[in-house]
Amino acid sequence: MTETPQGIAFTLDGVDELTFARILRDVMDDPAFRRPLQIQAQEPRPGTAARLIVAFDSKERPRAVAAMQRLKTVLLRYGVQVDSVRVPGEE
């Protein structure tokens, strides 16, 4: 049986395309986000906020939480306010 991946979702309201591209570049170059974690990205669109999701299997939860903290640091570097973060199991 295959496990369903979980994800920590960040909603980044008000982030423009250039800033989002820079954030995504930094995340993709950072070893904190390497496999088995997966980064899913939704670029900003008119009327829709940008989103980044750190996807992981449940056995990788401690690593995903550490990556979440690292992502917060990356976002602060660009002055990005995180509007919401959803962590599975913490609803």
PDB file of N, CA and C in Angstrom:
ATOM      1  N   MET A   1       0.846  -1.182   0.000  1.00  0.00           N
ATOM      2  CA  MET A   1       0.000   0.000   0.000  1.00  0.00           C
ATOM      3  C   MET A   1       0.889   1.242   0.000  1.00  0.00           C
ATOM      4  N   THR A   2       0.596   2.179  -0.869  1.00  0.00           N
ATOM      5  CA  THR A   2       1.364   3.411  -0.972  1.00  0.00           C
ATOM      6  C   THR A   2       0.784   4.466  -0.030  1.00  0.00           C
ATOM      7  N   GLU A   3       1.672   5.146   0.665  1.00  0.00           N
ATOM      8  CA  GLU A   3       1.250   6.177   1.606  1.00  0.00           C
ATOM      9  C   GLU A   3       0.906   7.464   0.852  1.00  0.00           C
ATOM     10  N   THR A   4      -0.144   8.147   1.290  1.00  0.00           N
ATOM     11  CA  THR A   4      -0.529   9.414   0.703  1.00  0.00           C
ATOM     12  C   THR A   4       0.381  10.507   1.237  1.00  0.00           C
ATOM     13  N   PRO A   5       1.009  11.273   0.359  1.00  0.00           N
ATOM     14  CA  PRO A   5       1.885  12.347   0.840  1.00  0.00           C
ATOM     15  C   PRO A   5       1.101  13.421   1.587  1.00  0.00           C
ATOM     16  N   GLN A   6       1.766  14.038   2.533  1.00  0.00           N
ATOM     17  CA  GLN A   6       1.215  15.165   3.265  1.00  0.00           C
ATOM     18  C   GLN A   6       1.941  16.411   2.774  1.00  0.00           C
ATOM     19  N   GLY A   7       1.448  17.570   3.181  1.00  0.00           N
ATOM     20  CA  GLY A   7       2.122  18.790   2.765  1.00  0.00           C
ATOM     21  C   GLY A   7       1.906  19.933   3.737  1.00  0.00           C
ATOM     22  N   ILE A   8       2.950  20.721   3.921  1.00  0.00           N
ATOM     23  CA  ILE A   8       2.867  21.954   4.698  1.00  0.00           C
ATOM     24  C   ILE A   8       2.716  23.066   3.676  1.00  0.00           C
ATOM     25  N   ALA A   9       1.569  23.725   3.692  1.00  0.00           N
ATOM     26  CA  ALA A   9       1.236  24.713   2.662  1.00  0.00           C
ATOM     27  C   ALA A   9       1.413  26.137   3.189  1.00  0.00           C
ATOM     28  N   PHE A  10       2.148  26.942   2.432  1.00  0.00           N
ATOM     29  CA  PHE A  10       2.352  28.362   2.724  1.00  0.00           C
ATOM     30  C   PHE A  10       1.582  29.185   1.701  1.00  0.00           C
ATOM     31  N   THR A  11       0.732  30.085   2.137  1.00  0.00           N
ATOM     32  CA  THR A  11       0.052  31.026   1.264  1.00  0.00           C
ATOM     33  C   THR A  11       0.800  32.343   1.352  1.00  0.00           C
ATOM     34  N   LEU A  12       1.223  32.873   0.201  1.00  0.00           N
ATOM     35  CA  LEU A  12       2.059  34.075   0.143  1.00  0.00           C
ATOM     36  C   LEU A  12       1.314  35.191  -0.572  1.00  0.00           C
ATOM     37  N   ASP A  13       0.388  35.807   0.106  1.00  0.00           N
ATOM     38  CA  ASP A  13      -0.431  36.851  -0.491  1.00  0.00           C
ATOM     39  C   ASP A  13       0.411  38.097  -0.760  1.00  0.00           C
ATOM     40  N   GLY A  14       0.249  38.686  -1.930  1.00  0.00           N
ATOM     41  CA  GLY A  14       0.930  39.928  -2.259  1.00  0.00           C
ATOM     42  C   GLY A  14       2.340  39.773  -2.806  1.00  0.00           C
ATOM     43  N   VAL A  15       2.792  38.543  -3.028  1.00  0.00           N
ATOM     44  CA  VAL A  15       4.132  38.315  -3.584  1.00  0.00           C
ATOM     45  C   VAL A  15       4.055  38.443  -5.103  1.00  0.00           C
ATOM     46  N   ASP A  16       4.928  39.281  -5.673  1.00  0.00           N
ATOM     47  CA  ASP A  16       4.931  39.433  -7.127  1.00  0.00           C
ATOM     48  C   ASP A  16       5.719  38.294  -7.785  1.00  0.00           C
ATOM     49  N   GLU A  17       5.632  38.210  -9.099  1.00  0.00           N
ATOM     50  CA  GLU A  17       6.263  37.106  -9.833  1.00  0.00           C
ATOM     51  C   GLU A  17       7.779  37.086  -9.673  1.00  0.00           C
ATOM     52  N   LEU A  18       8.423  38.247  -9.702  1.00  0.00           N
ATOM     53  CA  LEU A  18       9.882  38.299  -9.579  1.00  0.00           C
ATOM     54  C   LEU A  18      10.333  37.819  -8.205  1.00  0.00           C
ATOM     55  N   THR A  19       9.678  38.294  -7.167  1.00  0.00           N
ATOM     56  CA  THR A  19      10.029  37.858  -5.806  1.00  0.00           C
ATOM     57  C   THR A  19       9.775  36.368  -5.648  1.00  0.00           C
ATOM     58  N   PHE A  20       8.659  35.885  -6.192  1.00  0.00           N
ATOM     59  CA  PHE A  20       8.353  34.460  -6.108  1.00  0.00           C
ATOM     60  C   PHE A  20       9.432  33.637  -6.806  1.00  0.00           C
ATOM     61  N   ALA A  21       9.875  34.081  -7.968  1.00  0.00           N
ATOM     62  CA  ALA A  21      10.932  33.368  -8.699  1.00  0.00           C
ATOM     63  C   ALA A  21      12.223  33.336  -7.883  1.00  0.00           C
ATOM     64  N   ARG A  22      12.557  34.422  -7.221  1.00  0.00           N
ATOM     65  CA  ARG A  22      13.768  34.464  -6.393  1.00  0.00           C
ATOM     66  C   ARG A  22      13.650  33.523  -5.194  1.00  0.00           C
ATOM     67  N   ILE A  23      12.487  33.524  -4.564  1.00  0.00           N
ATOM     68  CA  ILE A  23      12.252  32.623  -3.432  1.00  0.00           C
ATOM     69  C   ILE A  23      12.381  31.172  -3.894  1.00  0.00           C
ATOM     70  N   LEU A  24      11.744  30.855  -5.006  1.00  0.00           N
ATOM     71  CA  LEU A  24      11.777  29.495  -5.522  1.00  0.00           C
ATOM     72  C   LEU A  24      13.203  29.076  -5.870  1.00  0.00           C
ATOM     73  N   ARG A  25      13.985  29.968  -6.456  1.00  0.00           N
ATOM     74  CA  ARG A  25      15.384  29.672  -6.775  1.00  0.00           C
ATOM     75  C   ARG A  25      16.161  29.344  -5.504  1.00  0.00           C
ATOM     76  N   ASP A  26      15.985  30.157  -4.462  1.00  0.00           N
ATOM     77  CA  ASP A  26      16.689  29.916  -3.202  1.00  0.00           C
ATOM     78  C   ASP A  26      16.284  28.585  -2.579  1.00  0.00           C
ATOM     79  N   VAL A  27      15.009  28.279  -2.625  1.00  0.00           N
ATOM     80  CA  VAL A  27      14.515  27.022  -2.058  1.00  0.00           C
ATOM     81  C   VAL A  27      15.095  25.835  -2.825  1.00  0.00           C
ATOM     82  N   MET A  28      15.102  25.913  -4.142  1.00  0.00           N
ATOM     83  CA  MET A  28      15.589  24.796  -4.948  1.00  0.00           C
ATOM     84  C   MET A  28      17.089  24.575  -4.784  1.00  0.00           C
ATOM     85  N   ASP A  29      17.825  25.619  -4.408  1.00  0.00           N
ATOM     86  CA  ASP A  29      19.270  25.497  -4.196  1.00  0.00           C
ATOM     87  C   ASP A  29      19.630  25.118  -2.763  1.00  0.00           C
ATOM     88  N   ASP A  30      18.660  25.090  -1.867  1.00  0.00           N
ATOM     89  CA  ASP A  30      18.913  24.852  -0.441  1.00  0.00           C
ATOM     90  C   ASP A  30      18.811  23.356  -0.131  1.00  0.00           C
ATOM     91  N   PRO A  31      19.857  22.772   0.480  1.00  0.00           N
ATOM     92  CA  PRO A  31      19.818  21.337   0.781  1.00  0.00           C
ATOM     93  C   PRO A  31      18.722  20.927   1.771  1.00  0.00           C
ATOM     94  N   ALA A  32      18.162  21.863   2.507  1.00  0.00           N
ATOM     95  CA  ALA A  32      17.079  21.528   3.453  1.00  0.00           C
ATOM     96  C   ALA A  32      15.848  20.985   2.734  1.00  0.00           C
ATOM     97  N   PHE A  33      15.725  21.268   1.437  1.00  0.00           N
ATOM     98  CA  PHE A  33      14.530  20.888   0.687  1.00  0.00           C
ATOM     99  C   PHE A  33      14.765  19.740  -0.286  1.00  0.00           C
ATOM    100  N   ARG A  34      15.906  19.062  -0.158  1.00  0.00           N
ATOM    101  CA  ARG A  34      16.207  17.975  -1.100  1.00  0.00           C
ATOM    102  C   ARG A  34      15.329  16.755  -0.824  1.00  0.00           C
ATOM    103  N   ARG A  35      15.356  15.839  -1.758  1.00  0.00           N
ATOM    104  CA  ARG A  35      14.579  14.604  -1.627  1.00  0.00           C
ATOM    105  C   ARG A  35      14.926  13.920  -0.327  1.00  0.00           C
ATOM    106  N   PRO A  36      13.996  13.267   0.298  1.00  0.00           N
ATOM    107  CA  PRO A  36      12.698  12.845  -0.203  1.00  0.00           C
ATOM    108  C   PRO A  36      11.605  13.904  -0.099  1.00  0.00           C
ATOM    109  N   LEU A  37      11.922  15.101   0.413  1.00  0.00           N
ATOM    110  CA  LEU A  37      10.922  16.174   0.411  1.00  0.00           C
ATOM    111  C   LEU A  37      10.689  16.620  -1.024  1.00  0.00           C
ATOM    112  N   GLN A  38       9.555  17.211  -1.257  1.00  0.00           N
ATOM    113  CA  GLN A  38       9.231  17.734  -2.585  1.00  0.00           C
ATOM    114  C   GLN A  38       8.612  19.111  -2.411  1.00  0.00           C
ATOM    115  N   ILE A  39       9.035  20.050  -3.237  1.00  0.00           N
ATOM    116  CA  ILE A  39       8.462  21.392  -3.218  1.00  0.00           C
ATOM    117  C   ILE A  39       7.471  21.512  -4.371  1.00  0.00           C
ATOM    118  N   GLN A  40       6.263  21.898  -4.042  1.00  0.00           N
ATOM    119  CA  GLN A  40       5.243  22.168  -5.050  1.00  0.00           C
ATOM    120  C   GLN A  40       4.987  23.663  -5.015  1.00  0.00           C
ATOM    121  N   ALA A  41       4.933  24.292  -6.174  1.00  0.00           N
ATOM    122  CA  ALA A  41       4.797  25.743  -6.250  1.00  0.00           C
ATOM    123  C   ALA A  41       3.621  26.141  -7.125  1.00  0.00           C
ATOM    124  N   GLN A  42       2.921  27.160  -6.669  1.00  0.00           N
ATOM    125  CA  GLN A  42       1.849  27.780  -7.455  1.00  0.00           C
ATOM    126  C   GLN A  42       2.198  29.258  -7.539  1.00  0.00           C
ATOM    127  N   GLU A  43       2.563  29.710  -8.723  1.00  0.00           N
ATOM    128  CA  GLU A  43       2.967  31.108  -8.875  1.00  0.00           C
ATOM    129  C   GLU A  43       1.779  32.041  -8.692  1.00  0.00           C
ATOM    130  N   PRO A  44       2.075  33.288  -8.349  1.00  0.00           N
ATOM    131  CA  PRO A  44       0.972  34.244  -8.157  1.00  0.00           C
ATOM    132  C   PRO A  44       0.261  34.528  -9.478  1.00  0.00           C
ATOM    133  N   ARG A  45      -1.032  34.648  -9.394  1.00  0.00           N
ATOM    134  CA  ARG A  45      -1.884  35.006 -10.537  1.00  0.00           C
ATOM    135  C   ARG A  45      -2.838  36.094 -10.060  1.00  0.00           C
ATOM    136  N   PRO A  46      -3.377  36.890 -10.974  1.00  0.00           N
ATOM    137  CA  PRO A  46      -4.364  37.892 -10.557  1.00  0.00           C
ATOM    138  C   PRO A  46      -5.506  37.233  -9.788  1.00  0.00           C
ATOM    139  N   GLY A  47      -5.727  37.698  -8.580  1.00  0.00           N
ATOM    140  CA  GLY A  47      -6.789  37.163  -7.746  1.00  0.00           C
ATOM    141  C   GLY A  47      -6.441  35.904  -6.976  1.00  0.00           C
ATOM    142  N   THR A  48      -5.236  35.364  -7.190  1.00  0.00           N
ATOM    143  CA  THR A  48      -4.810  34.142  -6.503  1.00  0.00           C
ATOM    144  C   THR A  48      -3.415  34.339  -5.923  1.00  0.00           C
ATOM    145  N   ALA A  49      -3.275  34.079  -4.638  1.00  0.00           N
ATOM    146  CA  ALA A  49      -1.981  34.223  -3.972  1.00  0.00           C
ATOM    147  C   ALA A  49      -1.040  33.090  -4.378  1.00  0.00           C
ATOM    148  N   ALA A  50       0.243  33.379  -4.302  1.00  0.00           N
ATOM    149  CA  ALA A  50       1.259  32.345  -4.521  1.00  0.00           C
ATOM    150  C   ALA A  50       1.188  31.343  -3.372  1.00  0.00           C
ATOM    151  N   ARG A  51       1.583  30.109  -3.673  1.00  0.00           N
ATOM    152  CA  ARG A  51       1.631  29.070  -2.631  1.00  0.00           C
ATOM    153  C   ARG A  51       2.872  28.225  -2.818  1.00  0.00           C
ATOM    154  N   LEU A  52       3.444  27.815  -1.716  1.00  0.00           N
ATOM    155  CA  LEU A  52       4.518  26.830  -1.706  1.00  0.00           C
ATOM    156  C   LEU A  52       4.095  25.722  -0.760  1.00  0.00           C
ATOM    157  N   ILE A  53       4.300  24.493  -1.193  1.00  0.00           N
ATOM    158  CA  ILE A  53       3.950  23.344  -0.371  1.00  0.00           C
ATOM    159  C   ILE A  53       5.178  22.461  -0.232  1.00  0.00           C
ATOM    160  N   VAL A  54       5.511  22.125   1.017  1.00  0.00           N
ATOM    161  CA  VAL A  54       6.563  21.153   1.296  1.00  0.00           C
ATOM    162  C   VAL A  54       5.848  19.817   1.459  1.00  0.00           C
ATOM    163  N   ALA A  55       5.940  18.959   0.446  1.00  0.00           N
ATOM    164  CA  ALA A  55       5.259  17.668   0.465  1.00  0.00           C
ATOM    165  C   ALA A  55       6.200  16.600   1.010  1.00  0.00           C
ATOM    166  N   PHE A  56       5.618  15.653   1.782  1.00  0.00           N
ATOM    167  CA  PHE A  56       6.435  14.633   2.433  1.00  0.00           C
ATOM    168  C   PHE A  56       5.581  13.442   2.835  1.00  0.00           C
ATOM    169  N   ASP A  57       6.231  12.302   3.019  1.00  0.00           N
ATOM    170  CA  ASP A  57       5.588  11.131   3.610  1.00  0.00           C
ATOM    171  C   ASP A  57       5.659  11.285   5.116  1.00  0.00           C
ATOM    172  N   SER A  58       4.738  10.656   5.827  1.00  0.00           N
ATOM    173  CA  SER A  58       4.660  10.853   7.278  1.00  0.00           C
ATOM    174  C   SER A  58       5.964  10.516   7.998  1.00  0.00           C
ATOM    175  N   LYS A  59       6.722   9.565   7.511  1.00  0.00           N
ATOM    176  CA  LYS A  59       7.986   9.213   8.175  1.00  0.00           C
ATOM    177  C   LYS A  59       9.021  10.335   8.050  1.00  0.00           C
ATOM    178  N   GLU A  60       8.803  11.262   7.132  1.00  0.00           N
ATOM    179  CA  GLU A  60       9.712  12.398   6.931  1.00  0.00           C
ATOM    180  C   GLU A  60       9.224  13.660   7.637  1.00  0.00           C
ATOM    181  N   ARG A  61       8.218  13.540   8.489  1.00  0.00           N
ATOM    182  CA  ARG A  61       7.635  14.711   9.159  1.00  0.00           C
ATOM    183  C   ARG A  61       8.668  15.572   9.894  1.00  0.00           C
ATOM    184  N   PRO A  62       9.582  15.000  10.703  1.00  0.00           N
ATOM    185  CA  PRO A  62      10.570  15.859  11.389  1.00  0.00           C
ATOM    186  C   PRO A  62      11.426  16.666  10.404  1.00  0.00           C
ATOM    187  N   ARG A  63      11.800  16.037   9.315  1.00  0.00           N
ATOM    188  CA  ARG A  63      12.578  16.743   8.291  1.00  0.00           C
ATOM    189  C   ARG A  63      11.754  17.844   7.627  1.00  0.00           C
ATOM    190  N   ALA A  64      10.472  17.574   7.399  1.00  0.00           N
ATOM    191  CA  ALA A  64       9.590  18.558   6.779  1.00  0.00           C
ATOM    192  C   ALA A  64       9.378  19.757   7.699  1.00  0.00           C
ATOM    193  N   VAL A  65       9.245  19.517   8.996  1.00  0.00           N
ATOM    194  CA  VAL A  65       9.069  20.623   9.943  1.00  0.00           C
ATOM    195  C   VAL A  65      10.334  21.480   9.972  1.00  0.00           C
ATOM    196  N   ALA A  66      11.510  20.851   9.914  1.00  0.00           N
ATOM    197  CA  ALA A  66      12.772  21.613   9.848  1.00  0.00           C
ATOM    198  C   ALA A  66      12.831  22.429   8.560  1.00  0.00           C
ATOM    199  N   ALA A  67      12.382  21.839   7.450  1.00  0.00           N
ATOM    200  CA  ALA A  67      12.363  22.561   6.176  1.00  0.00           C
ATOM    201  C   ALA A  67      11.383  23.727   6.241  1.00  0.00           C
ATOM    202  N   MET A  68      10.281  23.547   6.951  1.00  0.00           N
ATOM    203  CA  MET A  68       9.310  24.629   7.110  1.00  0.00           C
ATOM    204  C   MET A  68       9.959  25.826   7.811  1.00  0.00           C
ATOM    205  N   GLN A  69      10.736  25.541   8.853  1.00  0.00           N
ATOM    206  CA  GLN A  69      11.427  26.624   9.561  1.00  0.00           C
ATOM    207  C   GLN A  69      12.433  27.306   8.632  1.00  0.00           C
ATOM    208  N   ARG A  70      13.121  26.528   7.818  1.00  0.00           N
ATOM    209  CA  ARG A  70      14.081  27.091   6.867  1.00  0.00           C
ATOM    210  C   ARG A  70      13.361  27.961   5.826  1.00  0.00           C
ATOM    211  N   LEU A  71      12.202  27.512   5.376  1.00  0.00           N
ATOM    212  CA  LEU A  71      11.433  28.293   4.406  1.00  0.00           C
ATOM    213  C   LEU A  71      11.003  29.624   5.005  1.00  0.00           C
ATOM    214  N   LYS A  72      10.618  29.623   6.260  1.00  0.00           N
ATOM    215  CA  LYS A  72      10.269  30.885   6.921  1.00  0.00           C
ATOM    216  C   LYS A  72      11.449  31.850   6.897  1.00  0.00           C
ATOM    217  N   THR A  73      12.654  31.346   7.106  1.00  0.00           N
ATOM    218  CA  THR A  73      13.861  32.180   7.062  1.00  0.00           C
ATOM    219  C   THR A  73      14.080  32.749   5.663  1.00  0.00           C
ATOM    220  N   VAL A  74      13.913  31.907   4.646  1.00  0.00           N
ATOM    221  CA  VAL A  74      14.057  32.370   3.261  1.00  0.00           C
ATOM    222  C   VAL A  74      13.045  33.467   2.972  1.00  0.00           C
ATOM    223  N   LEU A  75      11.814  33.278   3.397  1.00  0.00           N
ATOM    224  CA  LEU A  75      10.769  34.265   3.143  1.00  0.00           C
ATOM    225  C   LEU A  75      11.066  35.588   3.842  1.00  0.00           C
ATOM    226  N   LEU A  76      11.579  35.519   5.053  1.00  0.00           N
ATOM    227  CA  LEU A  76      11.942  36.749   5.775  1.00  0.00           C
ATOM    228  C   LEU A  76      13.029  37.530   5.036  1.00  0.00           C
ATOM    229  N   ARG A  77      13.932  36.816   4.396  1.00  0.00           N
ATOM    230  CA  ARG A  77      14.993  37.461   3.618  1.00  0.00           C
ATOM    231  C   ARG A  77      14.405  38.392   2.551  1.00  0.00           C
ATOM    232  N   TYR A  78      13.247  38.031   2.026  1.00  0.00           N
ATOM    233  CA  TYR A  78      12.594  38.826   0.991  1.00  0.00           C
ATOM    234  C   TYR A  78      11.478  39.705   1.547  1.00  0.00           C
ATOM    235  N   GLY A  79      11.364  39.774   2.857  1.00  0.00           N
ATOM    236  CA  GLY A  79      10.345  40.612   3.481  1.00  0.00           C
ATOM    237  C   GLY A  79       8.933  40.126   3.245  1.00  0.00           C
ATOM    238  N   VAL A  80       8.779  38.822   3.049  1.00  0.00           N
ATOM    239  CA  VAL A  80       7.469  38.254   2.739  1.00  0.00           C
ATOM    240  C   VAL A  80       6.738  37.907   4.025  1.00  0.00           C
ATOM    241  N   GLN A  81       5.518  38.377   4.108  1.00  0.00           N
ATOM    242  CA  GLN A  81       4.623  38.044   5.212  1.00  0.00           C
ATOM    243  C   GLN A  81       3.899  36.755   4.851  1.00  0.00           C
ATOM    244  N   VAL A  82       3.962  35.776   5.719  1.00  0.00           N
ATOM    245  CA  VAL A  82       3.231  34.525   5.497  1.00  0.00           C
ATOM    246  C   VAL A  82       1.827  34.707   6.040  1.00  0.00           C
ATOM    247  N   ASP A  83       0.851  34.633   5.174  1.00  0.00           N
ATOM    248  CA  ASP A  83      -0.533  34.833   5.589  1.00  0.00           C
ATOM    249  C   ASP A  83      -1.090  33.606   6.302  1.00  0.00           C
ATOM    250  N   SER A  84      -0.713  32.431   5.858  1.00  0.00           N
ATOM    251  CA  SER A  84      -1.163  31.229   6.545  1.00  0.00           C
ATOM    252  C   SER A  84      -0.210  30.080   6.256  1.00  0.00           C
ATOM    253  N   VAL A  85      -0.136  29.170   7.216  1.00  0.00           N
ATOM    254  CA  VAL A  85       0.629  27.930   7.072  1.00  0.00           C
ATOM    255  C   VAL A  85      -0.266  26.811   7.573  1.00  0.00           C
ATOM    256  N   ARG A  86      -0.442  25.794   6.752  1.00  0.00           N
ATOM    257  CA  ARG A  86      -1.228  24.629   7.164  1.00  0.00           C
ATOM    258  C   ARG A  86      -0.285  23.456   7.340  1.00  0.00           C
ATOM    259  N   VAL A  87      -0.262  22.905   8.554  1.00  0.00           N
ATOM    260  CA  VAL A  87       0.550  21.740   8.868  1.00  0.00           C
ATOM    261  C   VAL A  87      -0.399  20.580   9.145  1.00  0.00           C
ATOM    262  N   PRO A  88      -0.274  19.476   8.393  1.00  0.00           N
ATOM    263  CA  PRO A  88      -1.173  18.346   8.616  1.00  0.00           C
ATOM    264  C   PRO A  88      -1.066  17.840  10.062  1.00  0.00           C
ATOM    265  N   GLY A  89      -2.199  17.527  10.637  1.00  0.00           N
ATOM    266  CA  GLY A  89      -2.224  17.010  11.992  1.00  0.00           C
ATOM    267  C   GLY A  89      -2.241  18.088  13.063  1.00  0.00           C
ATOM    268  N   GLU A  90      -2.194  19.354  12.648  1.00  0.00           N
ATOM    269  CA  GLU A  90      -2.202  20.456  13.603  1.00  0.00           C
ATOM    270  C   GLU A  90      -3.404  21.372  13.375  1.00  0.00           C
ATOM    271  N   GLU A  91      -4.475  20.851  12.777  1.00  0.00           N
ATOM    272  CA  GLU A  91      -5.657  21.659  12.519  1.00  0.00           C
ATOM    273  C   GLU A  91      -6.436  21.861  13.773  1.00  0.00           C
TER     274      GLU A  91
END
